C-alpha atoms as a PDB file:
ATOM      1  CA  MET A   1      -4.574  56.332   7.570  1.00  0.00           C
ATOM      2  CA  SER A   2      -3.678  57.383  11.174  1.00  0.00           C
ATOM      3  CA  MET A   3      -1.648  55.207  13.525  1.00  0.00           C
ATOM      4  CA  ASN A   4      -4.394  53.563  15.587  1.00  0.00           C
ATOM      5  CA  ILE A   5      -3.861  50.501  17.417  1.00  0.00           C
ATOM      6  CA  ALA A   6      -6.515  47.813  18.692  1.00  0.00           C
ATOM      7  CA  LEU A   7      -6.344  45.004  20.831  1.00  0.00           C
ATOM      8  CA  ILE A   8      -8.455  41.889  21.039  1.00  0.00           C
ATOM      9  CA  ALA A   9      -7.938  39.843  24.159  1.00  0.00           C
ATOM     10  CA  ASP A  10      -9.254  37.994  27.277  1.00  0.00           C
ATOM     11  CA  ASP A  11     -10.438  40.344  30.217  1.00  0.00           C
ATOM     12  CA  ASP A  12      -7.350  40.159  32.385  1.00  0.00           C
ATOM     13  CA  THR A  13      -4.923  41.167  29.299  1.00  0.00           C
ATOM     14  CA  ALA A  14      -7.650  43.709  27.922  1.00  0.00           C
ATOM     15  CA  ASN A  15      -7.539  45.346  31.342  1.00  0.00           C
ATOM     16  CA  PHE A  16      -3.826  45.545  31.519  1.00  0.00           C
ATOM     17  CA  PHE A  17      -3.685  47.297  28.173  1.00  0.00           C
ATOM     18  CA  ARG A  18      -6.442  49.666  29.377  1.00  0.00           C
ATOM     19  CA  ILE A  19      -4.492  50.459  32.411  1.00  0.00           C
ATOM     20  CA  GLY A  20      -1.568  51.161  30.113  1.00  0.00           C
ATOM     21  CA  GLY A  21      -3.622  54.001  27.887  1.00  0.00           C
ATOM     22  CA  LEU A  22      -4.783  51.893  25.016  1.00  0.00           C
ATOM     23  CA  LYS A  23      -8.133  53.202  23.821  1.00  0.00           C
ATOM     24  CA  HIS A  24      -9.260  50.490  21.397  1.00  0.00           C
ATOM     25  CA  VAL A  25      -9.502  47.448  23.631  1.00  0.00           C
ATOM     26  CA  PHE A  26     -12.046  44.598  22.792  1.00  0.00           C
ATOM     27  CA  ALA A  27     -12.226  41.974  25.536  1.00  0.00           C
ATOM     28  CA  VAL A  28     -13.771  38.319  24.776  1.00  0.00           C
ATOM     29  CA  LYS A  29     -14.805  35.586  27.011  1.00  0.00           C
ATOM     30  CA  ARG A  30     -14.050  32.977  24.519  1.00  0.00           C
ATOM     31  CA  PRO A  31     -11.095  32.863  21.983  1.00  0.00           C
ATOM     32  CA  GLU A  32     -13.472  32.019  18.925  1.00  0.00           C
ATOM     33  CA  ASP A  33     -15.323  35.170  19.750  1.00  0.00           C
ATOM     34  CA  GLY A  34     -12.491  37.197  18.528  1.00  0.00           C
ATOM     35  CA  GLY A  35     -13.481  36.405  14.719  1.00  0.00           C
ATOM     36  CA  LYS A  36     -16.335  38.753  14.546  1.00  0.00           C
ATOM     37  CA  ILE A  37     -14.352  41.628  16.175  1.00  0.00           C
ATOM     38  CA  LEU A  38     -11.466  40.902  13.746  1.00  0.00           C
ATOM     39  CA  LEU A  39     -13.942  41.485  10.794  1.00  0.00           C
ATOM     40  CA  GLU A  40     -15.400  44.697  12.347  1.00  0.00           C
ATOM     41  CA  ILE A  41     -11.902  46.270  12.811  1.00  0.00           C
ATOM     42  CA  VAL A  42     -11.052  45.179   9.155  1.00  0.00           C
ATOM     43  CA  GLU A  43     -14.118  46.588   8.014  1.00  0.00           C
ATOM     44  CA  LYS A  44     -13.581  50.078   9.555  1.00  0.00           C
ATOM     45  CA  LYS A  45     -10.105  50.341   8.035  1.00  0.00           C
ATOM     46  CA  SER A  46      -9.219  52.658  10.998  1.00  0.00           C
ATOM     47  CA  PHE A  47      -6.448  50.651  12.235  1.00  0.00           C
ATOM     48  CA  THR A  48      -2.833  50.072  11.334  1.00  0.00           C
ATOM     49  CA  ILE A  49      -1.931  47.661  14.018  1.00  0.00           C
ATOM     50  CA  LEU A  50      -4.178  44.923  15.771  1.00  0.00           C
ATOM     51  CA  ILE A  51      -2.661  42.966  18.541  1.00  0.00           C
ATOM     52  CA  THR A  52      -4.414  39.972  19.776  1.00  0.00           C
ATOM     53  CA  THR A  53      -3.464  37.084  22.233  1.00  0.00           C
ATOM     54  CA  ASP A  54      -1.899  33.691  20.819  1.00  0.00           C
ATOM     55  CA  ARG A  55      -5.199  31.935  21.882  1.00  0.00           C
ATOM     56  CA  ILE A  56      -7.238  33.903  20.052  1.00  0.00           C
ATOM     57  CA  ALA A  57      -4.926  34.028  17.054  1.00  0.00           C
ATOM     58  CA  HIS A  58      -4.817  30.266  17.078  1.00  0.00           C
ATOM     59  CA  LYS A  59      -8.692  29.795  17.118  1.00  0.00           C
ATOM     60  CA  ASN A  60      -9.025  32.206  14.269  1.00  0.00           C
ATOM     61  CA  ARG A  61      -5.997  31.240  12.118  1.00  0.00           C
ATOM     62  CA  ALA A  62      -7.923  30.765   9.057  1.00  0.00           C
ATOM     63  CA  LEU A  63      -9.627  34.262   9.037  1.00  0.00           C
ATOM     64  CA  ILE A  64      -6.357  35.905  10.033  1.00  0.00           C
ATOM     65  CA  ASN A  65      -4.698  34.455   7.093  1.00  0.00           C
ATOM     66  CA  GLU A  66      -7.217  35.586   4.783  1.00  0.00           C
ATOM     67  CA  ILE A  67      -7.160  39.130   6.211  1.00  0.00           C
ATOM     68  CA  ILE A  68      -3.204  39.019   5.775  1.00  0.00           C
ATOM     69  CA  GLU A  69      -3.547  38.045   2.229  1.00  0.00           C
ATOM     70  CA  GLU A  70      -6.331  40.503   1.092  1.00  0.00           C
ATOM     71  CA  HIS A  71      -5.461  43.520   3.203  1.00  0.00           C
ATOM     72  CA  ASP A  72      -2.216  45.653   3.697  1.00  0.00           C
ATOM     73  CA  PHE A  73      -3.628  46.748   7.139  1.00  0.00           C
ATOM     74  CA  PRO A  74      -4.030  46.070  10.074  1.00  0.00           C
ATOM     75  CA  ILE A  75      -0.682  44.719  10.672  1.00  0.00           C
ATOM     76  CA  ILE A  76      -1.804  41.570  13.060  1.00  0.00           C
ATOM     77  CA  ILE A  77       0.588  40.792  15.925  1.00  0.00           C
ATOM     78  CA  SER A  78      -0.215  37.944  18.315  1.00  0.00           C
ATOM     79  CA  ILE A  79       1.418  37.975  22.045  1.00  0.00           C
ATOM     80  CA  PRO A  80       1.060  35.338  24.959  1.00  0.00           C
ATOM     81  CA  THR A  81      -1.476  35.490  27.090  1.00  0.00           C
ATOM     82  CA  LEU A  82      -0.935  37.164  30.299  1.00  0.00           C
ATOM     83  CA  GLY A  83       0.855  34.476  32.605  1.00  0.00           C
ATOM     84  CA  SER A  84       1.552  32.000  29.845  1.00  0.00           C
ATOM     85  CA  THR A  85       4.459  31.494  27.437  1.00  0.00           C
ATOM     86  CA  SER A  86       3.845  31.298  23.748  1.00  0.00           C
ATOM     87  CA  HIS A  87       4.326  28.000  21.823  1.00  0.00           C
ATOM     88  CA  ILE A  88       2.528  29.122  18.649  1.00  0.00           C
ATOM     89  CA  GLY A  89       4.943  30.199  15.832  1.00  0.00           C
ATOM     90  CA  THR A  90       4.593  33.958  15.160  1.00  0.00           C
ATOM     91  CA  ASP A  91       6.139  36.608  12.841  1.00  0.00           C
ATOM     92  CA  THR A  92       8.525  38.779  14.559  1.00  0.00           C
ATOM     93  CA  ILE A  93       7.568  42.401  14.321  1.00  0.00           C
ATOM     94  CA  THR A  94      10.488  43.138  12.290  1.00  0.00           C
ATOM     95  CA  GLU A  95       9.367  40.556   9.713  1.00  0.00           C
ATOM     96  CA  LEU A  96       5.903  41.997   9.771  1.00  0.00           C
ATOM     97  CA  ILE A  97       7.270  45.276   9.078  1.00  0.00           C
ATOM     98  CA  ARG A  98       9.696  44.267   6.091  1.00  0.00           C
ATOM     99  CA  ARG A  99       6.597  42.254   4.535  1.00  0.00           C
ATOM    100  CA  LYS A 100       4.087  45.186   4.765  1.00  0.00           C
ATOM    101  CA  LEU A 101       6.010  47.944   4.710  1.00  0.00           C
ATOM    102  CA  GLY A 102       8.851  46.997   2.657  1.00  0.00           C
ATOM    103  CA  ILE A 103      11.473  48.593   5.313  1.00  0.00           C
ATOM    104  CA  GLU A 104      14.351  46.369   6.533  1.00  0.00           C
ATOM    105  CA  LEU A 105      15.156  47.030  10.199  1.00  0.00           C
ATOM    106  CA  LYS A 106      18.862  46.285  11.178  1.00  0.00           C
ATOM    107  CA  ASN A 107      20.170  45.940  14.484  1.00  0.00           C
ATOM    108  CA  LEU A 108      22.651  48.823  15.203  1.00  0.00           C
ATOM    109  CA  ASP A 109      24.182  47.195  18.249  1.00  0.00           C
ATOM    110  CA  SER A 110      25.892  44.635  16.102  1.00  0.00           C
END
């Protein structure tokens, strides 16, 4: 599996990532519309990491939990929507890497 990254987000966040060079960007008008795209991405089996916004993750939590339980990939990461702060508890990237890949990342600054 190659290291492909996809994003499911609102228009503003999607445009921000497109400008940053991300190729696989899927914009949705409503957070609940992200579920269909989530399923399509998982079925393609061509993405290692899927980034989505907290709002989309919150509206599709049951589906995301099912994907996490049944599939090793993609690793699903939620980020705050542009201009907002996150209040939804999410796994840290370090924890996701440990759980999915079995690799423990250590802080070298300590």
